[in-house]
Amino acid sequence: MDKKLIVITGSTGAGKTNLSIRVALWLGNVEIISADSRHVYKKMNIGTDKIKKERMKGVPHHLIDIKTPDEDFTVAEYKKRARKKIKEIQERENIPILCGGSYFYIKAVVDGLVLPQVAPDWEYRKRKQRESAEKLFNELKEKDPRRAKNIDEQNKRRLIRALEIIKKTGKPVPELKKDPLPYPILILGVKKEEEKLKEKIEKRVDKMIDEGLEKEAETLLKKYEKVPRETIGYKEWEEFFKGKKKKSQVIEEIKTHTKQFSKKQKNWFRKDERIIWVENFKKAREKITSYLD
């Protein structure tokens, strides 16, 4: 059997998970690898809209709940784990589907991005963690304008890592070398009309509130210093728990931040001409049938 890999990506709320399950049930011999930078963390369930077991419909899922929220998880580690998992799935003569919206993770796997090997400076990270994302981004823009153009300006962890590399090497973050997977890959992007996407995000946040997001956020923010405080759906609650913000404000902020993030994702996807955009399962099935033939 020729080696195959299907990627299903798209903005938050576009319907990637539902499509991946439908494709898996249709093909039968599929295993799904999560490409979501937050689904790797245990206990971060409601706020990340992590797939529940019953929704998996018996389809094997990988790289979910493999770290605690106080553990470091790098793109380099994700690439290593995902590539190993892809190889194992292919050896079982199954088809791996890489599914998620963390496109830098997907690119790391597909293109084999060779990331700078710079040891962490924990003191520096701790110090920079006290600064706002805006301040960190402005510093990066000054020191490395090229990297600043391709980074999530709200992701403090990534911003600090980029600045850490500059500090350690004395140079801007280098252009990443590539070691791509040596076979054709089908990359599908799930397309959803802008207004429908916004409506879905609104409904999804309301559902998270009904499912107990407030309690989950409170537990995580009390116990863990890093990841929840950098994650949409959790970080917005900090001021609420200090009595400085109303619950209605928190909910609106989560909705706004999610929509803003979705827009940024679209900008990242736009730069990759390999993505074939599909609106529904029927279109996806056509493209997959053609790819597998």
C-alpha atoms as a PDB file:
ATOM      1  CA  MET A   1       0.000   0.000   0.000  1.00  0.00           C
ATOM      2  CA  ASP A   2       1.314   3.459  -0.960  1.00  0.00           C
ATOM      3  CA  LYS A   3       1.848   5.803   1.945  1.00  0.00           C
ATOM      4  CA  LYS A   4      -1.041   8.222   2.403  1.00  0.00           C
ATOM      5  CA  LEU A   5      -1.732  11.140   4.720  1.00  0.00           C
ATOM      6  CA  ILE A   6      -4.848  13.306   4.775  1.00  0.00           C
ATOM      7  CA  VAL A   7      -4.848  16.643   6.583  1.00  0.00           C
ATOM      8  CA  ILE A   8      -8.104  18.313   7.626  1.00  0.00           C
ATOM      9  CA  THR A   9      -7.696  21.868   8.849  1.00  0.00           C
ATOM     10  CA  GLY A  10      -9.541  25.184   9.010  1.00  0.00           C
ATOM     11  CA  SER A  11     -10.594  27.949  11.376  1.00  0.00           C
ATOM     12  CA  THR A  12     -12.001  27.445  14.860  1.00  0.00           C
ATOM     13  CA  GLY A  13     -15.652  26.447  14.545  1.00  0.00           C
ATOM     14  CA  ALA A  14     -15.472  25.498  10.853  1.00  0.00           C
ATOM     15  CA  GLY A  15     -16.382  21.825  11.455  1.00  0.00           C
ATOM     16  CA  LYS A  16     -13.027  20.001  11.147  1.00  0.00           C
ATOM     17  CA  THR A  17     -13.793  17.401  13.810  1.00  0.00           C
ATOM     18  CA  ASN A  18     -17.201  16.453  12.384  1.00  0.00           C
ATOM     19  CA  LEU A  19     -15.733  16.129   8.902  1.00  0.00           C
ATOM     20  CA  SER A  20     -12.820  13.979  10.100  1.00  0.00           C
ATOM     21  CA  ILE A  21     -15.218  11.572  11.869  1.00  0.00           C
ATOM     22  CA  ARG A  22     -17.477  11.323   8.788  1.00  0.00           C
ATOM     23  CA  VAL A  23     -14.472  10.615   6.570  1.00  0.00           C
ATOM     24  CA  ALA A  24     -13.147   8.017   9.019  1.00  0.00           C
ATOM     25  CA  LEU A  25     -16.502   6.204   9.197  1.00  0.00           C
ATOM     26  CA  TRP A  26     -16.822   6.281   5.403  1.00  0.00           C
ATOM     27  CA  LEU A  27     -13.307   4.918   4.731  1.00  0.00           C
ATOM     28  CA  GLY A  28     -13.236   2.523   7.685  1.00  0.00           C
ATOM     29  CA  ASN A  29      -9.456   2.116   7.998  1.00  0.00           C
ATOM     30  CA  VAL A  30      -8.645   5.535   9.486  1.00  0.00           C
ATOM     31  CA  GLU A  31      -6.928   6.754  12.656  1.00  0.00           C
ATOM     32  CA  ILE A  32      -7.015  10.431  13.609  1.00  0.00           C
ATOM     33  CA  ILE A  33      -4.075  12.409  14.980  1.00  0.00           C
ATOM     34  CA  SER A  34      -5.005  15.650  16.715  1.00  0.00           C
ATOM     35  CA  ALA A  35      -3.259  18.780  15.429  1.00  0.00           C
ATOM     36  CA  ASP A  36      -4.520  21.048  18.182  1.00  0.00           C
ATOM     37  CA  SER A  37      -1.932  22.675  20.430  1.00  0.00           C
ATOM     38  CA  ARG A  38      -4.331  22.645  23.406  1.00  0.00           C
ATOM     39  CA  HIS A  39      -5.883  19.180  23.081  1.00  0.00           C
ATOM     40  CA  VAL A  40      -2.558  17.688  24.180  1.00  0.00           C
ATOM     41  CA  TYR A  41      -3.286  18.945  27.717  1.00  0.00           C
ATOM     42  CA  LYS A  42      -5.237  16.916  30.255  1.00  0.00           C
ATOM     43  CA  LYS A  43      -8.143  18.584  32.107  1.00  0.00           C
ATOM     44  CA  MET A  44      -8.451  21.375  29.513  1.00  0.00           C
ATOM     45  CA  ASN A  45     -11.647  19.919  28.091  1.00  0.00           C
ATOM     46  CA  ILE A  46     -14.594  22.295  27.909  1.00  0.00           C
ATOM     47  CA  GLY A  47     -12.650  25.462  27.090  1.00  0.00           C
ATOM     48  CA  THR A  48     -10.798  23.804  24.196  1.00  0.00           C
ATOM     49  CA  ASP A  49     -13.896  21.981  22.878  1.00  0.00           C
ATOM     50  CA  LYS A  50     -11.950  18.735  23.130  1.00  0.00           C
ATOM     51  CA  ILE A  51     -13.641  15.787  21.447  1.00  0.00           C
ATOM     52  CA  LYS A  52     -15.515  13.485  23.858  1.00  0.00           C
ATOM     53  CA  LYS A  53     -15.189   9.705  23.632  1.00  0.00           C
ATOM     54  CA  GLU A  54     -18.775   9.156  22.419  1.00  0.00           C
ATOM     55  CA  ARG A  55     -18.236  11.671  19.605  1.00  0.00           C
ATOM     56  CA  MET A  56     -15.239   9.662  18.366  1.00  0.00           C
ATOM     57  CA  LYS A  57     -17.646   6.886  17.216  1.00  0.00           C
ATOM     58  CA  GLY A  58     -14.982   4.255  17.902  1.00  0.00           C
ATOM     59  CA  VAL A  59     -12.402   5.908  15.616  1.00  0.00           C
ATOM     60  CA  PRO A  60      -8.919   5.783  17.240  1.00  0.00           C
ATOM     61  CA  HIS A  61      -7.599   9.243  18.211  1.00  0.00           C
ATOM     62  CA  HIS A  62      -4.008  10.113  19.080  1.00  0.00           C
ATOM     63  CA  LEU A  63      -2.016  12.936  20.753  1.00  0.00           C
ATOM     64  CA  ILE A  64      -4.877  13.972  23.032  1.00  0.00           C
ATOM     65  CA  ASP A  65      -4.368  14.249  26.836  1.00  0.00           C
ATOM     66  CA  ILE A  66      -0.648  13.479  26.762  1.00  0.00           C
ATOM     67  CA  LYS A  67       0.600  16.363  28.967  1.00  0.00           C
ATOM     68  CA  THR A  68      -0.455  18.183  32.135  1.00  0.00           C
ATOM     69  CA  PRO A  69      -0.970  21.953  31.829  1.00  0.00           C
ATOM     70  CA  ASP A  70       2.258  22.711  33.714  1.00  0.00           C
ATOM     71  CA  GLU A  71       4.435  20.689  31.315  1.00  0.00           C
ATOM     72  CA  ASP A  72       6.266  22.198  28.364  1.00  0.00           C
ATOM     73  CA  PHE A  73       5.226  20.969  24.936  1.00  0.00           C
ATOM     74  CA  THR A  74       7.149  22.248  21.936  1.00  0.00           C
ATOM     75  CA  VAL A  75       6.422  22.151  18.220  1.00  0.00           C
ATOM     76  CA  ALA A  76       9.573  20.029  17.847  1.00  0.00           C
ATOM     77  CA  GLU A  77       8.177  17.421  20.259  1.00  0.00           C
ATOM     78  CA  TYR A  78       4.810  17.469  18.491  1.00  0.00           C
ATOM     79  CA  LYS A  79       6.480  16.930  15.105  1.00  0.00           C
ATOM     80  CA  LYS A  80       8.480  13.981  16.455  1.00  0.00           C
ATOM     81  CA  ARG A  81       5.462  12.326  18.098  1.00  0.00           C
ATOM     82  CA  ALA A  82       3.099  12.948  15.154  1.00  0.00           C
ATOM     83  CA  ARG A  83       5.532  11.623  12.546  1.00  0.00           C
ATOM     84  CA  LYS A  84       6.122   8.503  14.647  1.00  0.00           C
ATOM     85  CA  LYS A  85       2.360   7.990  14.985  1.00  0.00           C
ATOM     86  CA  ILE A  86       1.808   8.491  11.221  1.00  0.00           C
ATOM     87  CA  LYS A  87       4.427   5.825  10.498  1.00  0.00           C
ATOM     88  CA  GLU A  88       2.818   3.367  12.958  1.00  0.00           C
ATOM     89  CA  ILE A  89      -0.651   3.912  11.448  1.00  0.00           C
ATOM     90  CA  GLN A  90       0.666   3.422   7.912  1.00  0.00           C
ATOM     91  CA  GLU A  91       2.426   0.214   9.005  1.00  0.00           C
ATOM     92  CA  ARG A  92      -0.977  -1.043  10.210  1.00  0.00           C
ATOM     93  CA  GLU A  93      -2.159  -0.319   6.629  1.00  0.00           C
ATOM     94  CA  ASN A  94      -4.531   2.326   7.930  1.00  0.00           C
ATOM     95  CA  ILE A  95      -4.815   5.924   6.748  1.00  0.00           C
ATOM     96  CA  PRO A  96      -3.746   8.674   9.162  1.00  0.00           C
ATOM     97  CA  ILE A  97      -5.783  11.885   9.242  1.00  0.00           C
ATOM     98  CA  LEU A  98      -4.031  14.858  10.811  1.00  0.00           C
ATOM     99  CA  CYS A  99      -6.910  17.029  12.028  1.00  0.00           C
ATOM    100  CA  GLY A 100      -6.796  20.421  13.721  1.00  0.00           C
ATOM    101  CA  GLY A 101      -6.363  24.148  13.416  1.00  0.00           C
ATOM    102  CA  SER A 102      -2.826  24.571  14.798  1.00  0.00           C
ATOM    103  CA  TYR A 103      -1.338  25.074  11.366  1.00  0.00           C
ATOM    104  CA  PHE A 104       2.240  25.609  12.534  1.00  0.00           C
ATOM    105  CA  TYR A 105       2.032  22.101  14.046  1.00  0.00           C
ATOM    106  CA  ILE A 106       0.718  20.729  10.749  1.00  0.00           C
ATOM    107  CA  LYS A 107       3.459  22.474   8.753  1.00  0.00           C
ATOM    108  CA  ALA A 108       6.084  21.138  11.152  1.00  0.00           C
ATOM    109  CA  VAL A 109       4.891  17.582  10.412  1.00  0.00           C
ATOM    110  CA  VAL A 110       4.203  17.857   6.672  1.00  0.00           C
ATOM    111  CA  ASP A 111       7.139  20.078   5.728  1.00  0.00           C
ATOM    112  CA  GLY A 112       9.444  18.684   8.403  1.00  0.00           C
ATOM    113  CA  LEU A 113      10.410  22.094   9.722  1.00  0.00           C
ATOM    114  CA  VAL A 114      13.816  21.827  11.393  1.00  0.00           C
ATOM    115  CA  LEU A 115      13.420  24.019  14.456  1.00  0.00           C
ATOM    116  CA  PRO A 116      16.307  25.846  16.195  1.00  0.00           C
ATOM    117  CA  GLN A 117      17.879  23.744  18.942  1.00  0.00           C
ATOM    118  CA  VAL A 118      18.213  26.333  21.702  1.00  0.00           C
ATOM    119  CA  ALA A 119      18.072  25.188  25.328  1.00  0.00           C
ATOM    120  CA  PRO A 120      15.403  26.894  27.479  1.00  0.00           C
ATOM    121  CA  ASP A 121      16.420  29.723  29.810  1.00  0.00           C
ATOM    122  CA  TRP A 122      13.916  29.319  32.627  1.00  0.00           C
ATOM    123  CA  GLU A 123      14.870  32.525  34.462  1.00  0.00           C
ATOM    124  CA  TYR A 124      14.483  34.564  31.290  1.00  0.00           C
ATOM    125  CA  ARG A 125      11.118  32.928  30.544  1.00  0.00           C
ATOM    126  CA  LYS A 126       9.851  33.634  34.065  1.00  0.00           C
ATOM    127  CA  ARG A 127      10.874  37.275  33.792  1.00  0.00           C
ATOM    128  CA  LYS A 128       9.323  37.753  30.349  1.00  0.00           C
ATOM    129  CA  GLN A 129       6.116  35.982  31.426  1.00  0.00           C
ATOM    130  CA  ARG A 130       5.316  39.055  33.573  1.00  0.00           C
ATOM    131  CA  GLU A 131       5.182  41.243  30.451  1.00  0.00           C
ATOM    132  CA  SER A 132       2.070  41.694  28.322  1.00  0.00           C
ATOM    133  CA  ALA A 133       1.706  39.987  24.939  1.00  0.00           C
ATOM    134  CA  GLU A 134       1.607  43.444  23.338  1.00  0.00           C
ATOM    135  CA  LYS A 135       4.960  44.431  24.853  1.00  0.00           C
ATOM    136  CA  LEU A 136       6.553  41.122  23.855  1.00  0.00           C
ATOM    137  CA  PHE A 137       5.234  41.435  20.301  1.00  0.00           C
ATOM    138  CA  ASN A 138       6.545  44.998  19.948  1.00  0.00           C
ATOM    139  CA  GLU A 139       9.976  43.857  21.137  1.00  0.00           C
ATOM    140  CA  LEU A 140       9.965  41.009  18.611  1.00  0.00           C
ATOM    141  CA  LYS A 141       8.856  43.392  15.838  1.00  0.00           C
ATOM    142  CA  GLU A 142      11.869  45.552  16.613  1.00  0.00           C
ATOM    143  CA  LYS A 143      14.375  42.689  16.846  1.00  0.00           C
ATOM    144  CA  ASP A 144      13.031  40.372  14.140  1.00  0.00           C
ATOM    145  CA  PRO A 145      10.366  41.922  11.842  1.00  0.00           C
ATOM    146  CA  ARG A 146      10.288  38.805   9.612  1.00  0.00           C
ATOM    147  CA  ARG A 147       9.377  36.454  12.465  1.00  0.00           C
ATOM    148  CA  ALA A 148       6.862  39.003  13.825  1.00  0.00           C
ATOM    149  CA  LYS A 149       4.902  38.765  10.564  1.00  0.00           C
ATOM    150  CA  ASN A 150       4.337  35.014  11.031  1.00  0.00           C
ATOM    151  CA  ILE A 151       3.563  34.672  14.722  1.00  0.00           C
ATOM    152  CA  ASP A 152       0.383  34.746  16.787  1.00  0.00           C
ATOM    153  CA  GLU A 153       0.831  38.084  18.555  1.00  0.00           C
ATOM    154  CA  GLN A 154      -1.335  36.908  21.486  1.00  0.00           C
ATOM    155  CA  ASN A 155       0.637  33.702  22.102  1.00  0.00           C
ATOM    156  CA  LYS A 156       3.042  34.691  24.878  1.00  0.00           C
ATOM    157  CA  ARG A 157       4.737  31.302  24.882  1.00  0.00           C
ATOM    158  CA  ARG A 158       5.693  31.580  21.193  1.00  0.00           C
ATOM    159  CA  LEU A 159       6.692  35.240  21.559  1.00  0.00           C
ATOM    160  CA  ILE A 160       8.934  34.477  24.530  1.00  0.00           C
ATOM    161  CA  ARG A 161      10.487  31.519  22.699  1.00  0.00           C
ATOM    162  CA  ALA A 162      11.282  33.685  19.656  1.00  0.00           C
ATOM    163  CA  LEU A 163      12.873  36.356  21.893  1.00  0.00           C
ATOM    164  CA  GLU A 164      14.748  33.650  23.823  1.00  0.00           C
ATOM    165  CA  ILE A 165      16.306  32.340  20.576  1.00  0.00           C
ATOM    166  CA  ILE A 166      17.378  35.884  19.646  1.00  0.00           C
ATOM    167  CA  LYS A 167      18.876  36.401  23.125  1.00  0.00           C
ATOM    168  CA  LYS A 168      20.763  33.087  23.065  1.00  0.00           C
ATOM    169  CA  THR A 169      22.053  33.274  19.467  1.00  0.00           C
ATOM    170  CA  GLY A 170      22.423  37.045  19.125  1.00  0.00           C
ATOM    171  CA  LYS A 171      20.610  36.776  15.767  1.00  0.00           C
ATOM    172  CA  PRO A 172      17.026  36.867  14.468  1.00  0.00           C
ATOM    173  CA  VAL A 173      15.151  33.532  14.356  1.00  0.00           C
ATOM    174  CA  PRO A 174      16.559  31.807  11.240  1.00  0.00           C
ATOM    175  CA  GLU A 175      14.484  30.776   8.230  1.00  0.00           C
ATOM    176  CA  LEU A 176      13.354  27.263   9.068  1.00  0.00           C
ATOM    177  CA  LYS A 177      14.947  24.465   7.044  1.00  0.00           C
ATOM    178  CA  LYS A 178      12.685  21.724   5.734  1.00  0.00           C
ATOM    179  CA  ASP A 179      12.668  17.931   5.633  1.00  0.00           C
ATOM    180  CA  PRO A 180       9.255  17.217   4.005  1.00  0.00           C
ATOM    181  CA  LEU A 181       7.454  13.891   4.086  1.00  0.00           C
ATOM    182  CA  PRO A 182       8.478  12.030   0.908  1.00  0.00           C
ATOM    183  CA  TYR A 183       5.018  11.250  -0.506  1.00  0.00           C
ATOM    184  CA  PRO A 184       1.977  13.218  -1.767  1.00  0.00           C
ATOM    185  CA  ILE A 185      -0.282  14.590   0.963  1.00  0.00           C
ATOM    186  CA  LEU A 186      -3.876  15.760   0.618  1.00  0.00           C
ATOM    187  CA  ILE A 187      -4.562  18.943   2.606  1.00  0.00           C
ATOM    188  CA  LEU A 188      -8.238  19.827   2.934  1.00  0.00           C
ATOM    189  CA  GLY A 189      -9.442  23.062   4.503  1.00  0.00           C
ATOM    190  CA  VAL A 190     -13.004  23.298   5.817  1.00  0.00           C
ATOM    191  CA  LYS A 191     -14.633  26.445   4.471  1.00  0.00           C
ATOM    192  CA  LYS A 192     -17.501  28.175   6.258  1.00  0.00           C
ATOM    193  CA  GLU A 193     -19.223  31.440   5.416  1.00  0.00           C
ATOM    194  CA  GLU A 194     -18.019  34.283   7.697  1.00  0.00           C
ATOM    195  CA  GLU A 195     -21.392  35.076   9.283  1.00  0.00           C
ATOM    196  CA  LYS A 196     -22.202  31.392   9.866  1.00  0.00           C
ATOM    197  CA  LEU A 197     -18.779  30.923  11.464  1.00  0.00           C
ATOM    198  CA  LYS A 198     -19.351  33.840  13.849  1.00  0.00           C
ATOM    199  CA  GLU A 199     -22.782  32.464  14.748  1.00  0.00           C
ATOM    200  CA  LYS A 200     -21.316  29.005  15.413  1.00  0.00           C
ATOM    201  CA  ILE A 201     -18.597  30.491  17.653  1.00  0.00           C
ATOM    202  CA  GLU A 202     -21.253  32.392  19.664  1.00  0.00           C
ATOM    203  CA  LYS A 203     -23.317  29.215  20.150  1.00  0.00           C
ATOM    204  CA  ARG A 204     -20.265  27.142  20.994  1.00  0.00           C
ATOM    205  CA  VAL A 205     -19.152  29.535  23.755  1.00  0.00           C
ATOM    206  CA  ASP A 206     -22.695  29.561  25.212  1.00  0.00           C
ATOM    207  CA  LYS A 207     -22.622  25.742  25.207  1.00  0.00           C
ATOM    208  CA  MET A 208     -19.256  25.776  27.017  1.00  0.00           C
ATOM    209  CA  ILE A 209     -20.742  28.019  29.725  1.00  0.00           C
ATOM    210  CA  ASP A 210     -23.693  25.599  30.113  1.00  0.00           C
ATOM    211  CA  GLU A 211     -21.271  22.660  30.374  1.00  0.00           C
ATOM    212  CA  GLY A 212     -19.359  24.247  33.278  1.00  0.00           C
ATOM    213  CA  LEU A 213     -16.530  26.298  31.757  1.00  0.00           C
ATOM    214  CA  GLU A 214     -16.448  28.677  34.740  1.00  0.00           C
ATOM    215  CA  LYS A 215     -15.683  25.847  37.189  1.00  0.00           C
ATOM    216  CA  GLU A 216     -13.106  24.269  34.847  1.00  0.00           C
ATOM    217  CA  ALA A 217     -11.346  27.627  34.400  1.00  0.00           C
ATOM    218  CA  GLU A 218     -11.316  28.270  38.166  1.00  0.00           C
ATOM    219  CA  THR A 219      -9.770  24.851  38.881  1.00  0.00           C
ATOM    220  CA  LEU A 220      -7.095  25.210  36.178  1.00  0.00           C
ATOM    221  CA  LEU A 221      -6.131  28.802  36.996  1.00  0.00           C
ATOM    222  CA  LYS A 222      -5.735  27.916  40.684  1.00  0.00           C
ATOM    223  CA  LYS A 223      -3.556  24.900  39.966  1.00  0.00           C
ATOM    224  CA  TYR A 224      -1.450  25.828  36.923  1.00  0.00           C
ATOM    225  CA  GLU A 225       0.675  28.857  36.152  1.00  0.00           C
ATOM    226  CA  LYS A 226       1.296  28.675  32.429  1.00  0.00           C
ATOM    227  CA  VAL A 227      -0.890  27.203  29.720  1.00  0.00           C
ATOM    228  CA  PRO A 228      -4.433  28.121  30.931  1.00  0.00           C
ATOM    229  CA  ARG A 229      -3.338  31.751  31.346  1.00  0.00           C
ATOM    230  CA  GLU A 230      -2.307  31.810  27.679  1.00  0.00           C
ATOM    231  CA  THR A 231      -5.436  30.099  26.347  1.00  0.00           C
ATOM    232  CA  ILE A 232      -8.668  31.641  25.066  1.00  0.00           C
ATOM    233  CA  GLY A 233     -11.551  30.402  27.185  1.00  0.00           C
ATOM    234  CA  TYR A 234      -9.524  30.401  30.399  1.00  0.00           C
ATOM    235  CA  LYS A 235      -7.386  33.544  30.528  1.00  0.00           C
ATOM    236  CA  GLU A 236     -10.472  35.799  30.334  1.00  0.00           C
ATOM    237  CA  TRP A 237     -11.675  34.526  33.756  1.00  0.00           C
ATOM    238  CA  GLU A 238      -8.685  35.761  35.794  1.00  0.00           C
ATOM    239  CA  GLU A 239     -10.106  39.243  36.474  1.00  0.00           C
ATOM    240  CA  PHE A 240     -13.553  37.761  37.163  1.00  0.00           C
ATOM    241  CA  PHE A 241     -12.200  35.562  39.944  1.00  0.00           C
ATOM    242  CA  LYS A 242     -10.499  38.640  41.445  1.00  0.00           C
ATOM    243  CA  GLY A 243     -13.886  40.390  41.466  1.00  0.00           C
ATOM    244  CA  LYS A 244     -12.821  42.927  38.833  1.00  0.00           C
ATOM    245  CA  LYS A 245     -15.054  41.810  35.984  1.00  0.00           C
ATOM    246  CA  LYS A 246     -18.645  40.644  35.423  1.00  0.00           C
ATOM    247  CA  LYS A 247     -19.413  37.184  34.084  1.00  0.00           C
ATOM    248  CA  SER A 248     -21.216  38.701  31.086  1.00  0.00           C
ATOM    249  CA  GLN A 249     -17.997  40.583  30.204  1.00  0.00           C
ATOM    250  CA  VAL A 250     -15.974  37.369  30.390  1.00  0.00           C
ATOM    251  CA  ILE A 251     -18.358  35.577  28.024  1.00  0.00           C
ATOM    252  CA  GLU A 252     -18.271  38.451  25.514  1.00  0.00           C
ATOM    253  CA  GLU A 253     -14.455  38.567  25.687  1.00  0.00           C
ATOM    254  CA  ILE A 254     -14.187  34.820  25.004  1.00  0.00           C
ATOM    255  CA  LYS A 255     -16.476  35.211  21.972  1.00  0.00           C
ATOM    256  CA  THR A 256     -14.544  38.236  20.678  1.00  0.00           C
ATOM    257  CA  HIS A 257     -11.114  36.651  21.198  1.00  0.00           C
ATOM    258  CA  THR A 258     -12.260  33.417  19.507  1.00  0.00           C
ATOM    259  CA  LYS A 259     -13.541  35.336  16.477  1.00  0.00           C
ATOM    260  CA  GLN A 260     -10.295  37.331  16.286  1.00  0.00           C
ATOM    261  CA  PHE A 261      -8.267  34.121  16.480  1.00  0.00           C
ATOM    262  CA  SER A 262     -10.400  32.530  13.762  1.00  0.00           C
ATOM    263  CA  LYS A 263      -9.657  35.504  11.512  1.00  0.00           C
ATOM    264  CA  LYS A 264      -5.908  35.168  12.155  1.00  0.00           C
ATOM    265  CA  GLN A 265      -6.076  31.461  11.308  1.00  0.00           C
ATOM    266  CA  LYS A 266      -7.639  32.345   7.941  1.00  0.00           C
ATOM    267  CA  ASN A 267      -4.727  34.669   7.211  1.00  0.00           C
ATOM    268  CA  TRP A 268      -2.226  31.871   7.955  1.00  0.00           C
ATOM    269  CA  PHE A 269      -4.114  29.367   5.772  1.00  0.00           C
ATOM    270  CA  ARG A 270      -4.302  31.860   2.897  1.00  0.00           C
ATOM    271  CA  LYS A 271      -0.512  31.706   2.559  1.00  0.00           C
ATOM    272  CA  ASP A 272      -0.548  27.969   1.775  1.00  0.00           C
ATOM    273  CA  GLU A 273      -1.686  27.264  -1.786  1.00  0.00           C
ATOM    274  CA  ARG A 274      -1.675  23.495  -1.183  1.00  0.00           C
ATOM    275  CA  ILE A 275      -4.907  23.673   0.813  1.00  0.00           C
ATOM    276  CA  ILE A 276      -7.971  22.503  -1.124  1.00  0.00           C
ATOM    277  CA  TRP A 277     -11.052  24.188   0.347  1.00  0.00           C
ATOM    278  CA  VAL A 278     -14.247  22.159   0.761  1.00  0.00           C
ATOM    279  CA  GLU A 279     -17.665  23.216   2.080  1.00  0.00           C
ATOM    280  CA  ASN A 280     -19.061  19.804   3.004  1.00  0.00           C
ATOM    281  CA  PHE A 281     -18.542  16.050   3.237  1.00  0.00           C
ATOM    282  CA  LYS A 282     -19.602  15.469  -0.385  1.00  0.00           C
ATOM    283  CA  LYS A 283     -16.842  17.748  -1.718  1.00  0.00           C
ATOM    284  CA  ALA A 284     -14.309  16.244   0.698  1.00  0.00           C
ATOM    285  CA  ARG A 285     -15.249  12.721  -0.426  1.00  0.00           C
ATOM    286  CA  GLU A 286     -14.654  13.648  -4.095  1.00  0.00           C
ATOM    287  CA  LYS A 287     -11.179  15.004  -3.336  1.00  0.00           C
ATOM    288  CA  ILE A 288     -10.271  12.053  -1.101  1.00  0.00           C
ATOM    289  CA  THR A 289     -11.516   9.469  -3.664  1.00  0.00           C
ATOM    290  CA  SER A 290      -9.377  11.103  -6.337  1.00  0.00           C
ATOM    291  CA  TYR A 291      -6.343  11.194  -3.986  1.00  0.00           C
ATOM    292  CA  LEU A 292      -6.654   7.549  -2.928  1.00  0.00           C
ATOM    293  CA  ASP A 293      -7.116   6.196  -6.489  1.00  0.00           C
END
